PDB file of N, CA and C in Angstrom:
ATOM      1  N   MET A   1    -137.529  22.640 -28.382  1.00  0.00           N
ATOM      2  CA  MET A   1    -136.966  22.929 -27.086  1.00  0.00           C
ATOM      3  C   MET A   1    -136.829  24.440 -26.863  1.00  0.00           C
ATOM      4  N   LEU A   2    -136.467  25.174 -27.891  1.00  0.00           N
ATOM      5  CA  LEU A   2    -136.297  26.617 -27.739  1.00  0.00           C
ATOM      6  C   LEU A   2    -137.606  27.385 -27.872  1.00  0.00           C
ATOM      7  N   ALA A   3    -138.628  26.762 -28.430  1.00  0.00           N
ATOM      8  CA  ALA A   3    -139.896  27.462 -28.661  1.00  0.00           C
ATOM      9  C   ALA A   3    -140.491  28.050 -27.381  1.00  0.00           C
ATOM     10  N   PRO A   4    -140.566  27.294 -26.274  1.00  0.00           N
ATOM     11  CA  PRO A   4    -141.127  27.894 -25.056  1.00  0.00           C
ATOM     12  C   PRO A   4    -140.314  29.092 -24.561  1.00  0.00           C
ATOM     13  N   LEU A   5    -138.996  29.002 -24.668  1.00  0.00           N
ATOM     14  CA  LEU A   5    -138.136  30.120 -24.259  1.00  0.00           C
ATOM     15  C   LEU A   5    -138.403  31.337 -25.133  1.00  0.00           C
ATOM     16  N   ALA A   6    -138.464  31.133 -26.439  1.00  0.00           N
ATOM     17  CA  ALA A   6    -138.724  32.234 -27.360  1.00  0.00           C
ATOM     18  C   ALA A   6    -140.084  32.863 -27.088  1.00  0.00           C
ATOM     19  N   ARG A   7    -141.094  32.034 -26.832  1.00  0.00           N
ATOM     20  CA  ARG A   7    -142.430  32.566 -26.519  1.00  0.00           C
ATOM     21  C   ARG A   7    -142.399  33.411 -25.253  1.00  0.00           C
ATOM     22  N   THR A   8    -141.707  32.923 -24.237  1.00  0.00           N
ATOM     23  CA  THR A   8    -141.616  33.660 -22.976  1.00  0.00           C
ATOM     24  C   THR A   8    -140.937  35.006 -23.186  1.00  0.00           C
ATOM     25  N   VAL A   9    -139.850  35.004 -23.939  1.00  0.00           N
ATOM     26  CA  VAL A   9    -139.140  36.257 -24.221  1.00  0.00           C
ATOM     27  C   VAL A   9    -140.058  37.235 -24.947  1.00  0.00           C
ATOM     28  N   LEU A  10    -140.725  36.773 -25.981  1.00  0.00           N
ATOM     29  CA  LEU A  10    -141.627  37.653 -26.733  1.00  0.00           C
ATOM     30  C   LEU A  10    -142.795  38.127 -25.886  1.00  0.00           C
ATOM     31  N   ASP A  11    -143.367  37.248 -25.068  1.00  0.00           N
ATOM     32  CA  ASP A  11    -144.450  37.661 -24.164  1.00  0.00           C
ATOM     33  C   ASP A  11    -143.972  38.744 -23.211  1.00  0.00           C
ATOM     34  N   ASN A  12    -142.776  38.562 -22.635  1.00  0.00           N
ATOM     35  CA  ASN A  12    -142.229  39.562 -21.715  1.00  0.00           C
ATOM     36  C   ASN A  12    -142.010  40.900 -22.411  1.00  0.00           C
ATOM     37  N   ILE A  13    -141.502  40.860 -23.625  1.00  0.00           N
ATOM     38  CA  ILE A  13    -141.292  42.102 -24.370  1.00  0.00           C
ATOM     39  C   ILE A  13    -142.618  42.814 -24.615  1.00  0.00           C
ATOM     40  N   MET A  14    -143.631  42.062 -25.008  1.00  0.00           N
ATOM     41  CA  MET A  14    -144.934  42.657 -25.276  1.00  0.00           C
ATOM     42  C   MET A  14    -145.565  43.237 -24.006  1.00  0.00           C
ATOM     43  N   GLU A  15    -145.366  42.570 -22.871  1.00  0.00           N
ATOM     44  CA  GLU A  15    -145.981  43.010 -21.623  1.00  0.00           C
ATOM     45  C   GLU A  15    -145.188  44.104 -20.918  1.00  0.00           C
ATOM     46  N   GLN A  16    -143.853  44.019 -20.957  1.00  0.00           N
ATOM     47  CA  GLN A  16    -143.017  44.891 -20.134  1.00  0.00           C
ATOM     48  C   GLN A  16    -142.162  45.872 -20.926  1.00  0.00           C
ATOM     49  N   GLY A  17    -142.034  45.651 -22.232  1.00  0.00           N
ATOM     50  CA  GLY A  17    -141.124  46.458 -23.029  1.00  0.00           C
ATOM     51  C   GLY A  17    -139.757  45.798 -23.105  1.00  0.00           C
ATOM     52  N   VAL A  18    -138.965  46.254 -24.050  1.00  0.00           N
ATOM     53  CA  VAL A  18    -137.683  45.608 -24.318  1.00  0.00           C
ATOM     54  C   VAL A  18    -136.713  45.746 -23.154  1.00  0.00           C
ATOM     55  N   GLU A  19    -136.486  46.976 -22.691  1.00  0.00           N
ATOM     56  CA  GLU A  19    -135.482  47.187 -21.651  1.00  0.00           C
ATOM     57  C   GLU A  19    -135.794  46.407 -20.382  1.00  0.00           C
ATOM     58  N   SER A  20    -137.059  46.332 -20.008  1.00  0.00           N
ATOM     59  CA  SER A  20    -137.445  45.623 -18.790  1.00  0.00           C
ATOM     60  C   SER A  20    -137.369  44.110 -18.952  1.00  0.00           C
ATOM     61  N   SER A  21    -137.278  43.637 -20.177  1.00  0.00           N
ATOM     62  CA  SER A  21    -137.276  42.198 -20.440  1.00  0.00           C
ATOM     63  C   SER A  21    -135.890  41.616 -20.632  1.00  0.00           C
ATOM     64  N   LEU A  22    -134.872  42.448 -20.579  1.00  0.00           N
ATOM     65  CA  LEU A  22    -133.520  41.948 -20.803  1.00  0.00           C
ATOM     66  C   LEU A  22    -133.102  40.982 -19.704  1.00  0.00           C
ATOM     67  N   THR A  23    -132.384  39.951 -20.106  1.00  0.00           N
ATOM     68  CA  THR A  23    -131.778  39.013 -19.168  1.00  0.00           C
ATOM     69  C   THR A  23    -130.390  38.675 -19.700  1.00  0.00           C
ATOM     70  N   GLY A  24    -129.593  38.034 -18.899  1.00  0.00           N
ATOM     71  CA  GLY A  24    -128.291  37.588 -19.363  1.00  0.00           C
ATOM     72  C   GLY A  24    -127.153  38.371 -18.767  1.00  0.00           C
ATOM     73  N   PRO A  25    -125.932  38.025 -19.143  1.00  0.00           N
ATOM     74  CA  PRO A  25    -124.756  38.613 -18.502  1.00  0.00           C
ATOM     75  C   PRO A  25    -124.602  40.113 -18.745  1.00  0.00           C
ATOM     76  N   VAL A  26    -125.000  40.608 -19.884  1.00  0.00           N
ATOM     77  CA  VAL A  26    -124.875  42.048 -20.131  1.00  0.00           C
ATOM     78  C   VAL A  26    -125.809  42.799 -19.197  1.00  0.00           C
ATOM     79  N   GLU A  27    -127.051  42.372 -19.142  1.00  0.00           N
ATOM     80  CA  GLU A  27    -128.040  43.035 -18.293  1.00  0.00           C
ATOM     81  C   GLU A  27    -127.638  42.979 -16.830  1.00  0.00           C
ATOM     82  N   ARG A  28    -127.025  41.867 -16.408  1.00  0.00           N
ATOM     83  CA  ARG A  28    -126.591  41.712 -15.017  1.00  0.00           C
ATOM     84  C   ARG A  28    -125.302  42.478 -14.724  1.00  0.00           C
ATOM     85  N   GLY A  29    -124.643  42.980 -15.759  1.00  0.00           N
ATOM     86  CA  GLY A  29    -123.361  43.636 -15.560  1.00  0.00           C
ATOM     87  C   GLY A  29    -122.251  42.651 -15.277  1.00  0.00           C
ATOM     88  N   ASP A  30    -122.404  41.432 -15.744  1.00  0.00           N
ATOM     89  CA  ASP A  30    -121.450  40.351 -15.490  1.00  0.00           C
ATOM     90  C   ASP A  30    -120.302  40.403 -16.504  1.00  0.00           C
ATOM     91  N   VAL A  31    -119.367  41.285 -16.222  1.00  0.00           N
ATOM     92  CA  VAL A  31    -118.242  41.533 -17.123  1.00  0.00           C
ATOM     93  C   VAL A  31    -117.382  40.288 -17.307  1.00  0.00           C
ATOM     94  N   LEU A  32    -117.206  39.512 -16.249  1.00  0.00           N
ATOM     95  CA  LEU A  32    -116.359  38.313 -16.353  1.00  0.00           C
ATOM     96  C   LEU A  32    -116.937  37.300 -17.339  1.00  0.00           C
ATOM     97  N   THR A  33    -118.248  37.118 -17.319  1.00  0.00           N
ATOM     98  CA  THR A  33    -118.868  36.174 -18.254  1.00  0.00           C
ATOM     99  C   THR A  33    -118.773  36.688 -19.680  1.00  0.00           C
ATOM    100  N   VAL A  34    -119.018  37.969 -19.880  1.00  0.00           N
ATOM    101  CA  VAL A  34    -118.914  38.547 -21.226  1.00  0.00           C
ATOM    102  C   VAL A  34    -117.483  38.403 -21.744  1.00  0.00           C
ATOM    103  N   ALA A  35    -116.509  38.676 -20.895  1.00  0.00           N
ATOM    104  CA  ALA A  35    -115.107  38.525 -21.299  1.00  0.00           C
ATOM    105  C   ALA A  35    -114.793  37.063 -21.629  1.00  0.00           C
ATOM    106  N   ALA A  36    -115.344  36.125 -20.852  1.00  0.00           N
ATOM    107  CA  ALA A  36    -115.133  34.704 -21.128  1.00  0.00           C
ATOM    108  C   ALA A  36    -115.765  34.311 -22.461  1.00  0.00           C
ATOM    109  N   HIS A  37    -116.952  34.834 -22.728  1.00  0.00           N
ATOM    110  CA  HIS A  37    -117.593  34.570 -24.022  1.00  0.00           C
ATOM    111  C   HIS A  37    -116.710  35.055 -25.161  1.00  0.00           C
ATOM    112  N   LEU A  38    -116.179  36.259 -25.013  1.00  0.00           N
ATOM    113  CA  LEU A  38    -115.317  36.816 -26.071  1.00  0.00           C
ATOM    114  C   LEU A  38    -114.055  35.987 -26.264  1.00  0.00           C
ATOM    115  N   ARG A  39    -113.437  35.574 -25.169  1.00  0.00           N
ATOM    116  CA  ARG A  39    -112.230  34.741 -25.285  1.00  0.00           C
ATOM    117  C   ARG A  39    -112.544  33.437 -26.006  1.00  0.00           C
ATOM    118  N   ALA A  40    -113.660  32.821 -25.651  1.00  0.00           N
ATOM    119  CA  ALA A  40    -114.042  31.555 -26.285  1.00  0.00           C
ATOM    120  C   ALA A  40    -114.314  31.756 -27.768  1.00  0.00           C
ATOM    121  N   LEU A  41    -115.004  32.819 -28.107  1.00  0.00           N
ATOM    122  CA  LEU A  41    -115.279  33.087 -29.521  1.00  0.00           C
ATOM    123  C   LEU A  41    -113.992  33.363 -30.284  1.00  0.00           C
ATOM    124  N   GLU A  42    -113.126  34.195 -29.713  1.00  0.00           N
ATOM    125  CA  GLU A  42    -111.881  34.535 -30.392  1.00  0.00           C
ATOM    126  C   GLU A  42    -111.001  33.303 -30.596  1.00  0.00           C
ATOM    127  N   LYS A  43    -111.098  32.347 -29.687  1.00  0.00           N
ATOM    128  CA  LYS A  43    -110.312  31.124 -29.812  1.00  0.00           C
ATOM    129  C   LYS A  43    -110.935  30.146 -30.807  1.00  0.00           C
ATOM    130  N   ARG A  44    -112.246  29.963 -30.726  1.00  0.00           N
ATOM    131  CA  ARG A  44    -112.905  28.904 -31.499  1.00  0.00           C
ATOM    132  C   ARG A  44    -113.521  29.368 -32.814  1.00  0.00           C
ATOM    133  N   VAL A  45    -114.123  30.564 -32.805  1.00  0.00           N
ATOM    134  CA  VAL A  45    -114.791  31.088 -34.008  1.00  0.00           C
ATOM    135  C   VAL A  45    -114.539  32.602 -34.075  1.00  0.00           C
ATOM    136  N   PRO A  46    -113.324  32.999 -34.380  1.00  0.00           N
ATOM    137  CA  PRO A  46    -112.963  34.415 -34.303  1.00  0.00           C
ATOM    138  C   PRO A  46    -113.806  35.336 -35.186  1.00  0.00           C
ATOM    139  N   THR A  47    -114.387  34.799 -36.228  1.00  0.00           N
ATOM    140  CA  THR A  47    -115.205  35.658 -37.097  1.00  0.00           C
ATOM    141  C   THR A  47    -116.487  36.111 -36.407  1.00  0.00           C
ATOM    142  N   LEU A  48    -116.894  35.427 -35.337  1.00  0.00           N
ATOM    143  CA  LEU A  48    -118.120  35.810 -34.625  1.00  0.00           C
ATOM    144  C   LEU A  48    -117.884  36.836 -33.511  1.00  0.00           C
ATOM    145  N   ALA A  49    -116.650  37.009 -33.084  1.00  0.00           N
ATOM    146  CA  ALA A  49    -116.356  37.934 -31.987  1.00  0.00           C
ATOM    147  C   ALA A  49    -116.803  39.369 -32.285  1.00  0.00           C
ATOM    148  N   PRO A  50    -116.555  39.911 -33.485  1.00  0.00           N
ATOM    149  CA  PRO A  50    -117.029  41.273 -33.755  1.00  0.00           C
ATOM    150  C   PRO A  50    -118.551  41.405 -33.658  1.00  0.00           C
ATOM    151  N   MET A  51    -119.272  40.399 -34.116  1.00  0.00           N
ATOM    152  CA  MET A  51    -120.727  40.450 -34.036  1.00  0.00           C
ATOM    153  C   MET A  51    -121.178  40.404 -32.569  1.00  0.00           C
ATOM    154  N   TYR A  52    -120.534  39.586 -31.760  1.00  0.00           N
ATOM    155  CA  TYR A  52    -120.854  39.519 -30.334  1.00  0.00           C
ATOM    156  C   TYR A  52    -120.629  40.879 -29.690  1.00  0.00           C
ATOM    157  N   ARG A  53    -119.524  41.532 -30.050  1.00  0.00           N
ATOM    158  CA  ARG A  53    -119.228  42.854 -29.486  1.00  0.00           C
ATOM    159  C   ARG A  53    -120.324  43.862 -29.862  1.00  0.00           C
ATOM    160  N   VAL A  54    -120.720  43.865 -31.119  1.00  0.00           N
ATOM    161  CA  VAL A  54    -121.743  44.819 -31.580  1.00  0.00           C
ATOM    162  C   VAL A  54    -123.077  44.539 -30.899  1.00  0.00           C
ATOM    163  N   MET A  55    -123.490  43.286 -30.907  1.00  0.00           N
ATOM    164  CA  MET A  55    -124.777  42.945 -30.310  1.00  0.00           C
ATOM    165  C   MET A  55    -124.780  43.217 -28.811  1.00  0.00           C
ATOM    166  N   SER A  56    -123.706  42.895 -28.143  1.00  0.00           N
ATOM    167  CA  SER A  56    -123.618  43.156 -26.709  1.00  0.00           C
ATOM    168  C   SER A  56    -123.590  44.654 -26.425  1.00  0.00           C
ATOM    169  N   GLY A  57    -122.946  45.408 -27.299  1.00  0.00           N
ATOM    170  CA  GLY A  57    -122.944  46.865 -27.153  1.00  0.00           C
ATOM    171  C   GLY A  57    -124.353  47.435 -27.238  1.00  0.00           C
ATOM    172  N   ARG A  58    -125.157  46.898 -28.128  1.00  0.00           N
ATOM    173  CA  ARG A  58    -126.555  47.328 -28.228  1.00  0.00           C
ATOM    174  C   ARG A  58    -127.318  46.964 -26.958  1.00  0.00           C
ATOM    175  N   LEU A  59    -127.033  45.781 -26.413  1.00  0.00           N
ATOM    176  CA  LEU A  59    -127.684  45.378 -25.169  1.00  0.00           C
ATOM    177  C   LEU A  59    -127.279  46.286 -24.010  1.00  0.00           C
ATOM    178  N   VAL A  60    -126.027  46.727 -23.991  1.00  0.00           N
ATOM    179  CA  VAL A  60    -125.576  47.661 -22.955  1.00  0.00           C
ATOM    180  C   VAL A  60    -126.383  48.955 -23.060  1.00  0.00           C
ATOM    181  N   GLU A  61    -126.568  49.450 -24.264  1.00  0.00           N
ATOM    182  CA  GLU A  61    -127.367  50.671 -24.448  1.00  0.00           C
ATOM    183  C   GLU A  61    -128.787  50.474 -23.942  1.00  0.00           C
ATOM    184  N   MET A  62    -129.378  49.339 -24.262  1.00  0.00           N
ATOM    185  CA  MET A  62    -130.735  49.049 -23.806  1.00  0.00           C
ATOM    186  C   MET A  62    -130.775  48.941 -22.282  1.00  0.00           C
ATOM    187  N   ALA A  63    -129.786  48.278 -21.699  1.00  0.00           N
ATOM    188  CA  ALA A  63    -129.726  48.143 -20.244  1.00  0.00           C
ATOM    189  C   ALA A  63    -129.540  49.509 -19.587  1.00  0.00           C
ATOM    190  N   ARG A  64    -128.745  50.369 -20.207  1.00  0.00           N
ATOM    191  CA  ARG A  64    -128.568  51.731 -19.679  1.00  0.00           C
ATOM    192  C   ARG A  64    -129.900  52.461 -19.651  1.00  0.00           C
ATOM    193  N   ARG A  65    -130.639  52.376 -20.752  1.00  0.00           N
ATOM    194  CA  ARG A  65    -131.952  53.026 -20.802  1.00  0.00           C
ATOM    195  C   ARG A  65    -132.915  52.416 -19.788  1.00  0.00           C
ATOM    196  N   GLY A  66    -132.700  51.155 -19.471  1.00  0.00           N
ATOM    197  CA  GLY A  66    -133.535  50.476 -18.492  1.00  0.00           C
ATOM    198  C   GLY A  66    -133.110  50.707 -17.053  1.00  0.00           C
ATOM    199  N   GLY A  67    -132.034  51.467 -16.851  1.00  0.00           N
ATOM    200  CA  GLY A  67    -131.623  51.828 -15.496  1.00  0.00           C
ATOM    201  C   GLY A  67    -130.325  51.226 -15.007  1.00  0.00           C
ATOM    202  N   MET A  68    -129.547  50.602 -15.907  1.00  0.00           N
ATOM    203  CA  MET A  68    -128.264  50.039 -15.473  1.00  0.00           C
ATOM    204  C   MET A  68    -127.374  51.150 -14.911  1.00  0.00           C
ATOM    205  N   ASP A  69    -126.722  50.844 -13.820  1.00  0.00           N
ATOM    206  CA  ASP A  69    -125.806  51.756 -13.160  1.00  0.00           C
ATOM    207  C   ASP A  69    -124.718  52.243 -14.126  1.00  0.00           C
ATOM    208  N   LYS A  70    -124.363  53.524 -14.036  1.00  0.00           N
ATOM    209  CA  LYS A  70    -123.373  54.104 -14.952  1.00  0.00           C
ATOM    210  C   LYS A  70    -122.015  53.426 -14.852  1.00  0.00           C
ATOM    211  N   VAL A  71    -121.628  53.043 -13.658  1.00  0.00           N
ATOM    212  CA  VAL A  71    -120.339  52.368 -13.471  1.00  0.00           C
ATOM    213  C   VAL A  71    -120.363  51.016 -14.175  1.00  0.00           C
ATOM    214  N   ALA A  72    -121.460  50.289 -14.033  1.00  0.00           N
ATOM    215  CA  ALA A  72    -121.595  48.988 -14.692  1.00  0.00           C
ATOM    216  C   ALA A  72    -121.578  49.152 -16.207  1.00  0.00           C
ATOM    217  N   VAL A  73    -122.216  50.205 -16.709  1.00  0.00           N
ATOM    218  CA  VAL A  73    -122.214  50.477 -18.155  1.00  0.00           C
ATOM    219  C   VAL A  73    -120.783  50.697 -18.634  1.00  0.00           C
ATOM    220  N   ARG A  74    -120.028  51.517 -17.923  1.00  0.00           N
ATOM    221  CA  ARG A  74    -118.638  51.789 -18.325  1.00  0.00           C
ATOM    222  C   ARG A  74    -117.778  50.527 -18.300  1.00  0.00           C
ATOM    223  N   LYS A  75    -117.947  49.700 -17.271  1.00  0.00           N
ATOM    224  CA  LYS A  75    -117.171  48.455 -17.181  1.00  0.00           C
ATOM    225  C   LYS A  75    -117.500  47.519 -18.337  1.00  0.00           C
ATOM    226  N   MET A  76    -118.778  47.423 -18.673  1.00  0.00           N
ATOM    227  CA  MET A  76    -119.184  46.538 -19.763  1.00  0.00           C
ATOM    228  C   MET A  76    -118.665  47.079 -21.096  1.00  0.00           C
ATOM    229  N   GLU A  77    -118.768  48.375 -21.301  1.00  0.00           N
ATOM    230  CA  GLU A  77    -118.250  48.957 -22.536  1.00  0.00           C
ATOM    231  C   GLU A  77    -116.746  48.712 -22.659  1.00  0.00           C
ATOM    232  N   LYS A  78    -116.024  48.832 -21.557  1.00  0.00           N
ATOM    233  CA  LYS A  78    -114.577  48.589 -21.564  1.00  0.00           C
ATOM    234  C   LYS A  78    -114.286  47.127 -21.925  1.00  0.00           C
ATOM    235  N   ALA A  79    -115.043  46.205 -21.352  1.00  0.00           N
ATOM    236  CA  ALA A  79    -114.836  44.779 -21.641  1.00  0.00           C
ATOM    237  C   ALA A  79    -115.082  44.483 -23.114  1.00  0.00           C
ATOM    238  N   LEU A  80    -116.030  45.178 -23.712  1.00  0.00           N
ATOM    239  CA  LEU A  80    -116.353  44.938 -25.105  1.00  0.00           C
ATOM    240  C   LEU A  80    -115.342  45.593 -26.047  1.00  0.00           C
ATOM    241  N   GLU A  81    -114.612  46.591 -25.571  1.00  0.00           N
ATOM    242  CA  GLU A  81    -113.584  47.259 -26.386  1.00  0.00           C
ATOM    243  C   GLU A  81    -112.322  46.428 -26.488  1.00  0.00           C
ATOM    244  N   ASP A  82    -111.901  45.839 -25.393  1.00  0.00           N
ATOM    245  CA  ASP A  82    -110.608  45.152 -25.322  1.00  0.00           C
ATOM    246  C   ASP A  82    -110.501  43.993 -26.274  1.00  0.00           C
TER     247      ASP A  82
END
């Protein structure tokens, strides 16, 4: 079930580059969803929350390089700090 999704992601990366291929709440600047993910992780599997923060922080950097608005970058970084 995940194989077609993984292939599409890899094809997009090969064709467009990493920054242009990003999708998801970090890339969209969807701070509320990222905060909800963190709350759910901290409640259900707290050991995974730090990894989510680190990985999402890397995605913010990639999105910034891909043209994410500076205000959106700051809001996302703040959400990942709290």
